[in-house]
Each structure stands twice: as structure tokens, then as C-alpha cells.
Amino acid sequence: MLTKPQPAQATPKGWERSWRSLIVVAFLLGLAIRLASVLAKPHLAAAGDPLEYVGQANLLVQGKGWIEPLIYGSSHAQLQTAKLPPLFTLVMAMCSAVGFKSFFAHRIWSAIVGSLSVPVSAALGKEVAGRKVAVLTAFGIAVYPNMWLSDGLAMSETLSPILAVLALLAAYRMWRRPTPTAAAVLGLTIGLAALARDELLLLTVLVLLPIAYLANDKTRNERIRLAGVGVAGVVLIVAPWVGFNLSRFSHPVLISDRFGVTVAAANCDPMWHGPLRGYWSMQCALQSVQGVRGDESAADPVALRRGLHYVDGHLSGLPGIEVARLGRTFGFYHPVSQIDLDSFVEGRPRLWAFVGLGMFYAFAAMSVFGAVRVRRSGVPIFPVIAVGLDVMVAVLLTYGQTRFRATLEPLLVLLSAVAVVEGFGTWRGLRRRWRLVRRLRRWSGTMRWLAPRR
């Protein structure tokens, strides 16, 4: 059985030093792998979301504000944009601010930032199941291709898994010590995560409020106060960006205004039928905003209506398309085709994508056993499940894509580490019992031989 992590003073100082050193080694290994993935393709051209993130970061440093980088690059028109959540742009702007503005430099910076997922995930592993799990989690995160492939491509999935893990770390600490400070930290962390991927705002309902409710040693009013402090932390982080968006667009915009176009891109004939079933189409996205005048905030609701209109006219096929979307994301629907799409659209190396797919299958299988062991130890598993539900909701509302499960990947590694530690402990216990049985058999045989015959 898993046990709650022991106090530091109960651990020998030698082991205290060694487990921390192993996590440092894992961090350096993860950093080396991520940097190597960038250096292996130094001349990779920016495309898709990375092109917009890097361009927006450079414009922000130049004092141009939050404007559409592609349009500014072609016509120097300064159109306000909120297509992408802002936090990853701000992180990339740190690189631009010190003079490194090329895509290669931003990929290096992204790889450095992504390597922080190693110690952060290790900290969560220690909080949930102890130091052995922390060490195994660190090495798993360091080498798992599905974690480092996005880092070397300067994609926002570099940052969102780190923030999701930090949110769960804050959640488990609040579960152990339900104080207003812990609730505030959890709320602030969820707010930051939402500014990286807006669907992570759901963790407020799926994690923060249940953790506050489970504070059994608190009165009803104290639980309400914990929930209120946590929600206030979320609002404190998200509100400035939302207020900024409300002040600069003709229609209301909260964190981003790309949802409508995304829905339209995923709901058209080519995406419901044929080899791209469950995916998205740039052509459908462009057609959804044709003839619309005004800024982005005017185009997005029109695109949303057109996308929902298509769904309304094809409701009988909706269950099948949702299965296809989940299948593309979780690797059970045309996985080879999805790897080809990831390679073509995002520039992912096919070999490492196949390795990542195989490791994903292994981690997904082991994580089931790990989740059971965590639950039996008395540690709640629902925060991890909440992240999985968050991913599923995002996929069901939009389309299927491998990188959409990025926030869940480190948690699968962590639960697999629990399974390995518990399985190794069970194996050692069985070996000890078998040795004892053999000794008893030898002893009983010797006693029979020494016993006097009648």
C-alpha cells in the first residue's frame, strides 16, 4: 500500500541527498534531450501557432501591443488580436526582450522552459506518493518524447503541462492542509493555467471546489470561505486580461476569441467524412468567416453559428465523429495517419512520434494500476481524473489532435511510476515469501529424515 510521504527528519541524510541529486540528474538529462531535439533541426521554419506566438512576442517587445503578427508582417496593419491565450506569448517575449528574436532562439528558450516539467512533476510525485515515485517520474518526464517534442517546436504545450501539474500540486497541498493561503495559491495557479490554455479554467469547478468541500475538519462557513478565496485567486489573475480584451474589441472577448473559428474548422464535410474525419480544416475555417466585416470578435461568433448550424444538420453522425476525435487524441483511431498529420503540420519527427505513441500506450495501461493504488492509499485521485476530463471536453467541443492531451501526459507518467514502485515492492514481497516457503520445506524435510523410524 502507498503511504503518505514521511517527514523529512525521518529520512537518513544520505538518502535525502541522493534522491534530490537524482532529480537534478533527470532535469539535466531532460534539458539535454530537449536541446538536442532543437539542434537536430536548426533550420526548421516556423508555421502554425509557433509562428504566431513568436511573431506576437517580437511585436510585443517592440511596443506594438497585442496585434495580429501575420497581417502586420504583410501589410503593417495593426489589428488587435486575442486568438491565442497570452501567457505563452509573454514567456516567449522574455527571449525577445534580451535580443534573441529568431525562431531558433525561441525554440532553445522553449526547450529550457519545457525542461522545468521534470522537477515540477517530481514535486507532484513526492506529494502524492513519496520520493521513489518522484525520482521515477522525473526520469520518465525527461525521456518521454510526447513531453519534449512540443518543447523543441516552441508550442504552447511546452507551458500548459507545467501549469496543470502545478495546479494539482497546489490542490494536493490544500487537501492536506486546507487553509485560506493554500486555497489562494490553488486559485492563482489555476488562473495562470487558464491564461496558457483557456479550457484549464474548468479546473476551478473540477478541482478547486471539490477540494474545498472535502475539508472535513472545517465548518460549512469555513469551506465556503476556502472556495471563495480560491475563486478570488482565479479571478485576480484572469480579470486583467479579460478587462483588457473587453476594452479593445467590438464584441465581448474573454480569454481568447478563437473558439468559434475552431468549431467551424472541425465541422464541415471533409472533417466528418473521409480520411481526415475528426480533424480540422484550414479551408473550412476561412470559409466560415467569409464576408464578415469588423475585427476578430465580430468574426468569431459568426463562425461559431456556422459551425453549430452544420452540427445541427448532421446530429445523427455526431456520436461517431466524437469517437473519432477522442480516438485521434488518445491513439486508438488511425494513429499512424495522425502521426503523419502531426509530422506534416507541426514538424514532429516521425520516428520519435512513433516511440512516443508506444510509450503512451504503456503509460496509459500502467496508470490504471497506479490510480487504483493511489486511491487505496487514501489519497484522492479525482484531481488527476479532472485533468483527463478537461482534455476530453476540449476535444469533444473542437477536434482531435495528439498535442491536446499534453496536460494529461505527465500525470500518466506519475501514475505509471506509482505502478512500478508498487509492483516492485509486491515482487520483492513475493520473492521473500517464496524463499521462506523453500526454507520451511527444507526444514520439514530435514526433520522427517532425523525423526526416528518406527
Protein backbone atom coordinates (compact mmCIF):
# COMPACT_ATOMS: atom_id res chain seq x y z
CA MET A 1 0.00 0.00 0.00
CA LEU A 2 1.09 3.56 -0.64
CA THR A 3 1.66 5.67 2.39
CA LYS A 4 1.71 9.39 2.85
CA PRO A 5 5.22 10.84 2.42
CA GLN A 6 7.23 10.60 5.64
CA PRO A 7 8.57 13.71 7.36
CA ALA A 8 11.99 14.78 6.19
CA GLN A 9 13.62 14.21 9.58
CA ALA A 10 12.65 10.52 9.47
CA THR A 11 14.76 10.00 6.34
CA PRO A 12 18.53 9.38 6.54
CA LYS A 13 20.57 12.31 5.32
CA GLY A 14 22.36 10.18 2.74
CA TRP A 15 19.11 9.19 1.04
CA GLU A 16 17.91 12.81 1.37
CA ARG A 17 20.90 13.93 -0.69
CA SER A 18 20.73 11.07 -3.19
CA TRP A 19 17.08 11.43 -4.21
CA ARG A 20 17.45 15.15 -4.75
CA SER A 21 20.61 14.54 -6.75
CA LEU A 22 18.80 12.01 -8.93
CA ILE A 23 16.12 14.56 -9.75
CA VAL A 24 18.83 17.07 -10.69
CA VAL A 25 20.35 14.40 -12.98
CA ALA A 26 16.92 13.79 -14.53
CA PHE A 27 16.48 17.53 -15.07
CA LEU A 28 19.85 17.81 -16.82
CA LEU A 29 19.04 14.74 -18.93
CA GLY A 30 15.68 16.23 -19.92
CA LEU A 31 17.31 19.56 -20.77
CA ALA A 32 19.96 17.84 -22.90
CA ILE A 33 17.34 15.84 -24.82
CA ARG A 34 15.24 18.93 -25.47
CA LEU A 35 18.20 20.99 -26.64
CA ALA A 36 19.35 18.11 -28.85
CA SER A 37 15.90 17.99 -30.48
CA VAL A 38 16.32 21.65 -31.44
CA LEU A 39 19.90 21.30 -32.64
CA ALA A 40 18.93 18.29 -34.75
CA LYS A 41 16.80 20.64 -36.92
CA PRO A 42 18.37 24.10 -36.55
CA HIS A 43 16.82 25.49 -39.75
CA LEU A 44 13.22 24.44 -39.07
CA ALA A 45 10.80 27.10 -40.31
CA ALA A 46 8.06 28.43 -38.06
CA ALA A 47 4.48 27.57 -39.02
CA GLY A 48 1.05 27.49 -37.43
CA ASP A 49 0.72 28.52 -33.79
CA PRO A 50 4.51 28.80 -33.15
CA LEU A 51 4.75 31.34 -35.99
CA GLU A 52 2.06 33.45 -34.34
CA TYR A 53 3.47 33.10 -30.82
CA VAL A 54 6.99 34.12 -31.85
CA GLY A 55 5.75 36.95 -34.09
CA GLN A 56 3.46 38.24 -31.37
CA ALA A 57 6.25 38.09 -28.78
CA ASN A 58 8.57 40.13 -31.01
CA LEU A 59 5.87 42.74 -31.71
CA LEU A 60 5.07 42.99 -28.03
CA VAL A 61 8.70 43.76 -27.19
CA GLN A 62 8.76 46.38 -29.96
CA GLY A 63 5.87 48.15 -28.23
CA LYS A 64 3.26 47.29 -30.88
CA GLY A 65 0.95 45.66 -28.36
CA TRP A 66 -1.24 42.61 -28.91
CA ILE A 67 -1.69 42.78 -32.68
CA GLU A 68 -2.07 40.16 -35.38
CA PRO A 69 1.53 39.28 -36.41
CA LEU A 70 0.77 37.70 -39.80
CA ILE A 71 -1.22 40.68 -41.05
CA TYR A 72 1.31 43.15 -39.68
CA GLY A 73 4.10 41.26 -41.43
CA SER A 74 2.39 41.52 -44.80
CA SER A 75 0.74 44.95 -44.69
CA HIS A 76 1.86 46.62 -41.43
CA ALA A 77 -1.80 46.92 -40.44
CA GLN A 78 -2.16 46.86 -36.66
CA LEU A 79 -5.21 44.75 -35.93
CA GLN A 80 -5.95 43.78 -32.34
CA THR A 81 -5.87 40.03 -31.69
CA ALA A 82 -6.80 37.60 -28.94
CA LYS A 83 -6.65 34.43 -30.99
CA LEU A 84 -4.20 32.88 -28.56
CA PRO A 85 -4.15 32.92 -24.74
CA PRO A 86 -1.49 35.40 -23.58
CA LEU A 87 0.79 33.58 -21.14
CA PHE A 88 2.96 31.63 -23.57
CA THR A 89 3.42 34.80 -25.64
CA LEU A 90 4.69 36.56 -22.51
CA VAL A 91 7.10 33.70 -21.84
CA MET A 92 8.40 33.88 -25.41
CA ALA A 93 8.69 37.66 -25.06
CA MET A 94 11.32 37.10 -22.35
CA CYS A 95 13.56 35.70 -25.06
CA SER A 96 12.77 38.55 -27.45
CA ALA A 97 13.40 41.16 -24.73
CA VAL A 98 17.08 40.20 -24.46
CA GLY A 99 17.63 40.42 -28.21
CA PHE A 100 17.03 36.83 -29.33
CA LYS A 101 14.19 37.14 -31.81
CA SER A 102 14.75 34.29 -34.27
CA PHE A 103 12.62 31.18 -34.30
CA PHE A 104 15.70 29.10 -33.49
CA ALA A 105 16.39 31.19 -30.37
CA HIS A 106 12.79 30.88 -29.27
CA ARG A 107 12.96 27.11 -29.74
CA ILE A 108 16.04 26.99 -27.50
CA TRP A 109 14.24 29.09 -24.88
CA SER A 110 11.14 26.91 -25.17
CA ALA A 111 13.28 23.80 -24.61
CA ILE A 112 14.75 25.35 -21.47
CA VAL A 113 11.31 26.27 -20.16
CA GLY A 114 9.95 22.81 -21.02
CA SER A 115 12.70 21.09 -19.03
CA LEU A 116 11.16 22.60 -15.88
CA SER A 117 8.42 19.98 -16.24
CA VAL A 118 10.91 17.45 -14.82
CA PRO A 119 11.35 18.91 -11.30
CA VAL A 120 7.75 20.18 -11.16
CA SER A 121 6.36 16.71 -11.95
CA ALA A 122 8.79 15.19 -9.46
CA ALA A 123 7.46 17.53 -6.78
CA LEU A 124 3.92 16.35 -7.52
CA GLY A 125 5.07 12.72 -7.43
CA LYS A 126 6.60 13.26 -3.98
CA GLU A 127 3.45 14.96 -2.72
CA VAL A 128 1.21 12.14 -3.95
CA ALA A 129 3.28 9.00 -3.31
CA GLY A 130 6.75 9.69 -1.93
CA ARG A 131 10.34 10.09 -3.07
CA LYS A 132 10.79 6.89 -5.08
CA VAL A 133 7.83 7.86 -7.24
CA ALA A 134 9.27 11.38 -7.53
CA VAL A 135 12.57 10.07 -8.91
CA LEU A 136 10.93 7.68 -11.38
CA THR A 137 8.53 10.41 -12.51
CA ALA A 138 11.42 12.80 -13.11
CA PHE A 139 13.27 10.36 -15.36
CA GLY A 140 10.06 9.41 -17.18
CA ILE A 141 9.27 13.06 -17.95
CA ALA A 142 12.87 13.64 -19.03
CA VAL A 143 12.85 10.97 -21.74
CA TYR A 144 9.19 10.76 -22.80
CA PRO A 145 9.00 12.06 -26.40
CA ASN A 146 5.43 13.29 -26.07
CA MET A 147 6.70 15.70 -23.41
CA TRP A 148 9.77 17.07 -25.18
CA LEU A 149 8.61 17.12 -28.81
CA SER A 150 6.42 20.20 -28.25
CA ASP A 151 9.19 21.90 -26.25
CA GLY A 152 11.57 21.84 -29.19
CA LEU A 153 8.92 23.25 -31.53
CA ALA A 154 8.05 26.34 -29.43
CA MET A 155 4.44 25.28 -28.94
CA SER A 156 2.20 26.38 -26.09
CA GLU A 157 2.07 22.74 -24.93
CA THR A 158 5.53 23.47 -23.53
CA LEU A 159 3.94 25.52 -20.77
CA SER A 160 0.44 24.12 -20.21
CA PRO A 161 1.54 20.72 -18.75
CA ILE A 162 3.80 22.51 -16.24
CA LEU A 163 0.93 24.72 -15.10
CA ALA A 164 -1.50 21.79 -14.90
CA VAL A 165 0.97 19.90 -12.70
CA LEU A 166 1.50 22.98 -10.53
CA ALA A 167 -2.27 23.29 -10.12
CA LEU A 168 -2.52 19.67 -8.97
CA LEU A 169 0.46 20.16 -6.64
CA ALA A 170 -1.36 23.11 -5.06
CA ALA A 171 -4.57 21.03 -4.92
CA TYR A 172 -2.96 18.14 -3.03
CA ARG A 173 -1.28 20.53 -0.62
CA MET A 174 -4.61 22.20 0.00
CA TRP A 175 -6.15 18.76 0.58
CA ARG A 176 -3.54 18.03 3.25
CA ARG A 177 -3.75 21.48 4.84
CA PRO A 178 -7.00 23.27 3.86
CA THR A 179 -6.06 26.84 4.75
CA PRO A 180 -7.05 30.10 3.04
CA THR A 181 -3.44 30.52 1.90
CA ALA A 182 -3.47 27.10 0.23
CA ALA A 183 -6.81 27.93 -1.42
CA ALA A 184 -5.43 31.22 -2.72
CA VAL A 185 -2.35 29.50 -4.15
CA LEU A 186 -4.53 26.93 -5.91
CA GLY A 187 -6.76 29.66 -7.35
CA LEU A 188 -3.81 31.72 -8.56
CA THR A 189 -2.27 28.65 -10.20
CA ILE A 190 -5.49 27.71 -11.99
CA GLY A 191 -5.76 31.32 -13.19
CA LEU A 192 -2.25 31.15 -14.66
CA ALA A 193 -3.03 27.81 -16.29
CA ALA A 194 -6.16 29.30 -17.88
CA LEU A 195 -4.04 32.07 -19.40
CA ALA A 196 -1.99 29.37 -21.11
CA ARG A 197 -4.91 27.16 -22.20
CA ASP A 198 -8.33 28.64 -21.52
CA GLU A 199 -10.05 25.25 -21.07
CA LEU A 200 -7.97 24.73 -17.90
CA LEU A 201 -10.31 27.23 -16.27
CA LEU A 202 -12.59 24.19 -15.78
CA LEU A 203 -10.24 23.06 -13.00
CA THR A 204 -11.94 25.68 -10.84
CA VAL A 205 -15.11 23.56 -10.87
CA LEU A 206 -13.48 20.13 -11.19
CA VAL A 207 -10.69 20.52 -8.61
CA LEU A 208 -10.82 23.69 -6.50
CA LEU A 209 -14.44 23.50 -5.35
CA PRO A 210 -14.33 19.74 -4.54
CA ILE A 211 -11.10 20.17 -2.56
CA ALA A 212 -12.76 22.93 -0.53
CA TYR A 213 -15.81 20.71 0.03
CA LEU A 214 -13.62 17.80 1.25
CA ALA A 215 -12.15 19.84 4.11
CA ASN A 216 -13.91 17.62 6.66
CA ASP A 217 -12.37 19.29 9.69
CA LYS A 218 -13.90 22.65 8.67
CA THR A 219 -17.33 24.04 9.27
CA ARG A 220 -19.68 24.83 6.41
CA ASN A 221 -18.83 28.54 6.55
CA GLU A 222 -15.10 27.78 6.55
CA ARG A 223 -15.49 25.59 3.46
CA ILE A 224 -17.40 28.34 1.71
CA ARG A 225 -14.64 30.76 2.69
CA LEU A 226 -11.98 28.42 1.26
CA ALA A 227 -13.91 28.14 -2.02
CA GLY A 228 -14.40 31.90 -2.16
CA VAL A 229 -10.70 32.61 -1.57
CA GLY A 230 -9.75 30.12 -4.29
CA VAL A 231 -12.21 31.56 -6.82
CA ALA A 232 -10.99 35.06 -5.94
CA GLY A 233 -7.45 33.92 -6.77
CA VAL A 234 -8.61 32.72 -10.20
CA VAL A 235 -10.42 36.00 -10.86
CA LEU A 236 -7.45 38.05 -9.69
CA ILE A 237 -5.23 36.50 -12.37
CA VAL A 238 -7.73 36.26 -15.23
CA ALA A 239 -9.65 39.52 -14.76
CA PRO A 240 -6.96 41.99 -16.01
CA TRP A 241 -6.64 40.17 -19.33
CA VAL A 242 -10.40 39.83 -19.70
CA GLY A 243 -10.85 43.52 -18.92
CA PHE A 244 -8.19 44.42 -21.49
CA ASN A 245 -10.00 42.35 -24.13
CA LEU A 246 -13.38 43.88 -23.31
CA SER A 247 -11.90 47.34 -23.82
CA ARG A 248 -10.44 46.77 -27.30
CA PHE A 249 -12.94 44.66 -29.26
CA SER A 250 -16.38 45.43 -30.67
CA HIS A 251 -17.83 42.21 -29.24
CA PRO A 252 -17.19 40.63 -25.81
CA VAL A 253 -13.97 38.57 -25.65
CA LEU A 254 -12.85 36.77 -22.50
CA ILE A 255 -9.51 34.88 -22.66
CA SER A 256 -9.39 34.21 -26.40
CA ASP A 257 -11.66 34.54 -29.43
CA ARG A 258 -10.72 31.52 -31.49
CA PHE A 259 -13.32 29.04 -30.29
CA GLY A 260 -15.88 29.83 -32.98
CA VAL A 261 -13.40 29.51 -35.83
CA THR A 262 -12.09 26.28 -34.30
CA VAL A 263 -15.59 24.82 -34.14
CA ALA A 264 -16.21 25.78 -37.77
CA ALA A 265 -12.86 24.30 -38.84
CA ALA A 266 -13.84 20.94 -37.34
CA ASN A 267 -17.46 20.78 -38.52
CA CYS A 268 -17.69 20.55 -42.29
CA ASP A 269 -18.00 17.71 -44.77
CA PRO A 270 -14.25 16.94 -45.19
CA MET A 271 -13.83 16.67 -41.40
CA TRP A 272 -16.87 14.45 -40.90
CA HIS A 273 -16.21 12.07 -43.76
CA GLY A 274 -13.10 10.61 -45.36
CA PRO A 275 -9.50 10.20 -44.17
CA LEU A 276 -9.47 13.44 -42.12
CA ARG A 277 -12.53 12.50 -40.07
CA GLY A 278 -12.26 14.03 -36.60
CA TYR A 279 -9.53 16.52 -37.56
CA TRP A 280 -9.69 20.19 -38.66
CA SER A 281 -9.51 22.11 -41.94
CA MET A 282 -7.97 25.49 -42.63
CA GLN A 283 -10.21 25.85 -45.69
CA CYS A 284 -13.34 25.34 -43.57
CA ALA A 285 -12.06 27.89 -41.06
CA LEU A 286 -11.52 30.51 -43.76
CA GLN A 287 -14.89 29.84 -45.37
CA SER A 288 -16.63 30.30 -42.01
CA VAL A 289 -15.57 33.97 -41.79
CA GLN A 290 -16.02 34.92 -45.42
CA GLY A 291 -17.99 38.12 -45.89
CA VAL A 292 -17.72 39.13 -42.23
CA ARG A 293 -16.72 42.72 -41.57
CA GLY A 294 -15.13 44.01 -38.40
CA ASP A 295 -12.47 42.75 -36.03
CA GLU A 296 -11.81 39.22 -34.76
CA SER A 297 -14.52 39.49 -32.14
CA ALA A 298 -17.11 40.06 -34.89
CA ALA A 299 -15.92 37.13 -36.99
CA ASP A 300 -15.75 34.53 -34.22
CA PRO A 301 -19.47 34.38 -33.29
CA VAL A 302 -20.39 34.17 -36.98
CA ALA A 303 -18.02 31.23 -37.41
CA LEU A 304 -19.46 29.59 -34.30
CA ARG A 305 -23.01 29.88 -35.63
CA ARG A 306 -21.99 28.39 -38.95
CA GLY A 307 -20.18 25.52 -37.26
CA LEU A 308 -23.11 24.77 -34.95
CA HIS A 309 -25.50 25.01 -37.88
CA TYR A 310 -23.57 22.24 -39.62
CA VAL A 311 -23.69 20.09 -36.47
CA ASP A 312 -27.44 20.70 -36.11
CA GLY A 313 -27.98 19.42 -39.63
CA HIS A 314 -25.92 16.25 -39.05
CA LEU A 315 -26.84 15.25 -35.49
CA SER A 316 -27.08 11.56 -36.36
CA GLY A 317 -23.38 11.49 -37.16
CA LEU A 318 -22.27 13.37 -34.03
CA PRO A 319 -21.58 10.32 -31.78
CA GLY A 320 -19.33 8.78 -34.43
CA ILE A 321 -17.40 11.98 -35.03
CA GLU A 322 -16.87 12.46 -31.28
CA VAL A 323 -15.42 8.95 -31.03
CA ALA A 324 -13.10 9.76 -33.93
CA ARG A 325 -11.95 12.97 -32.20
CA LEU A 326 -11.20 11.15 -28.96
CA GLY A 327 -9.54 8.38 -30.95
CA ARG A 328 -7.19 10.80 -32.69
CA THR A 329 -6.26 12.37 -29.37
CA PHE A 330 -5.78 9.14 -27.41
CA GLY A 331 -4.26 6.99 -30.14
CA PHE A 332 -6.98 4.46 -30.97
CA TYR A 333 -8.29 5.93 -34.25
CA HIS A 334 -5.92 5.91 -37.23
CA PRO A 335 -2.83 6.53 -35.05
CA VAL A 336 -0.37 6.24 -37.96
CA SER A 337 -2.38 8.73 -40.00
CA GLN A 338 -2.43 11.10 -37.02
CA ILE A 339 1.36 10.84 -36.70
CA ASP A 340 1.66 11.72 -40.39
CA LEU A 341 -0.56 14.77 -39.85
CA ASP A 342 1.45 15.84 -36.79
CA SER A 343 4.66 15.50 -38.78
CA PHE A 344 3.33 17.49 -41.74
CA VAL A 345 1.50 20.24 -39.83
CA GLU A 346 3.69 20.64 -36.73
CA GLY A 347 7.05 19.30 -37.88
CA ARG A 348 7.20 16.44 -35.36
CA PRO A 349 9.87 13.82 -36.19
CA ARG A 350 8.00 10.67 -37.23
CA LEU A 351 10.42 8.25 -35.55
CA TRP A 352 10.14 9.90 -32.15
CA ALA A 353 6.40 10.31 -32.63
CA PHE A 354 6.11 6.52 -33.02
CA VAL A 355 8.28 6.00 -29.93
CA GLY A 356 6.06 8.43 -28.06
CA LEU A 357 2.93 6.58 -29.18
CA GLY A 358 4.30 3.25 -27.94
CA MET A 359 5.28 4.77 -24.60
CA PHE A 360 1.86 6.41 -24.34
CA TYR A 361 0.17 3.01 -24.67
CA ALA A 362 2.44 1.59 -21.94
CA PHE A 363 1.94 4.56 -19.61
CA ALA A 364 -1.83 4.55 -20.16
CA ALA A 365 -2.03 0.86 -19.22
CA MET A 366 0.20 1.15 -16.14
CA SER A 367 -1.50 4.33 -14.97
CA VAL A 368 -4.75 2.41 -14.37
CA PHE A 369 -3.00 0.23 -11.80
CA GLY A 370 -1.22 3.28 -10.39
CA ALA A 371 -4.51 5.16 -9.98
CA VAL A 372 -6.01 2.24 -8.07
CA ARG A 373 -3.02 2.12 -5.72
CA VAL A 374 -3.15 5.87 -5.11
CA ARG A 375 -6.87 5.69 -4.33
CA ARG A 376 -6.42 2.75 -1.95
CA SER A 377 -3.75 4.68 -0.06
CA GLY A 378 -6.34 7.28 0.89
CA VAL A 379 -5.05 9.97 -1.48
CA PRO A 380 -7.84 11.34 -3.72
CA ILE A 381 -7.41 10.55 -7.40
CA PHE A 382 -10.15 12.86 -8.71
CA PRO A 383 -7.77 15.82 -9.40
CA VAL A 384 -5.92 13.65 -11.92
CA ILE A 385 -9.20 12.44 -13.41
CA ALA A 386 -10.33 16.07 -13.61
CA VAL A 387 -7.41 16.92 -15.91
CA GLY A 388 -8.37 13.97 -18.12
CA LEU A 389 -11.98 15.18 -18.22
CA ASP A 390 -10.76 18.67 -19.08
CA VAL A 391 -8.85 17.28 -22.07
CA MET A 392 -11.85 15.25 -23.19
CA VAL A 393 -14.20 18.24 -23.01
CA ALA A 394 -11.82 20.34 -25.10
CA VAL A 395 -11.54 17.58 -27.72
CA LEU A 396 -15.29 16.87 -27.86
CA LEU A 397 -16.02 20.56 -28.42
CA THR A 398 -13.35 21.04 -31.09
CA TYR A 399 -11.35 18.28 -32.84
CA GLY A 400 -8.83 15.50 -32.24
CA GLN A 401 -5.10 16.21 -32.03
CA THR A 402 -2.22 14.44 -30.31
CA ARG A 403 -0.91 17.52 -28.54
CA PHE A 404 -4.30 18.24 -26.96
CA ARG A 405 -3.59 15.58 -24.34
CA ALA A 406 -0.34 17.32 -23.30
CA THR A 407 -1.69 18.37 -19.90
CA LEU A 408 -2.52 14.73 -19.11
CA GLU A 409 0.81 13.22 -20.22
CA PRO A 410 2.86 14.00 -17.07
CA LEU A 411 0.11 12.56 -14.89
CA LEU A 412 0.20 9.29 -16.82
CA VAL A 413 3.95 9.14 -16.20
CA LEU A 414 3.42 9.80 -12.49
CA LEU A 415 0.78 7.09 -12.10
CA SER A 416 2.98 4.67 -14.05
CA ALA A 417 5.80 5.43 -11.60
CA VAL A 418 3.43 4.53 -8.75
CA ALA A 419 2.63 1.26 -10.52
CA VAL A 420 6.33 0.42 -10.96
CA VAL A 421 7.19 1.20 -7.32
CA GLU A 422 4.24 -0.77 -6.01
CA GLY A 423 4.83 -3.62 -8.45
CA PHE A 424 8.50 -3.83 -7.47
CA GLY A 425 7.54 -3.86 -3.80
CA THR A 426 4.98 -6.61 -4.43
CA TRP A 427 7.55 -8.64 -6.39
CA ARG A 428 10.10 -8.33 -3.59
CA GLY A 429 7.46 -9.41 -1.08
CA LEU A 430 6.58 -12.46 -3.18
CA ARG A 431 10.25 -13.40 -3.50
CA ARG A 432 10.71 -13.19 0.27
CA ARG A 433 7.67 -15.38 0.82
CA TRP A 434 8.88 -17.92 -1.73
CA ARG A 435 12.29 -18.09 -0.02
CA LEU A 436 10.57 -18.60 3.32
CA VAL A 437 8.44 -21.39 1.85
CA ARG A 438 11.53 -23.12 0.43
CA ARG A 439 13.33 -22.87 3.76
CA LEU A 440 10.33 -24.30 5.57
CA ARG A 441 10.19 -27.18 3.09
CA ARG A 442 13.90 -27.92 3.59
CA TRP A 443 13.47 -27.72 7.35
CA SER A 444 10.46 -30.04 7.33
CA GLY A 445 12.35 -32.49 5.09
CA THR A 446 15.31 -32.47 7.47
CA MET A 447 13.02 -33.04 10.45
CA ARG A 448 11.43 -36.02 8.73
CA TRP A 449 14.88 -37.50 7.97
CA LEU A 450 16.06 -37.02 11.57
CA ALA A 451 12.89 -38.38 13.11
CA PRO A 452 13.24 -41.97 14.40
CA ARG A 453 11.61 -44.57 12.23
CA ARG A 454 9.07 -46.92 13.75
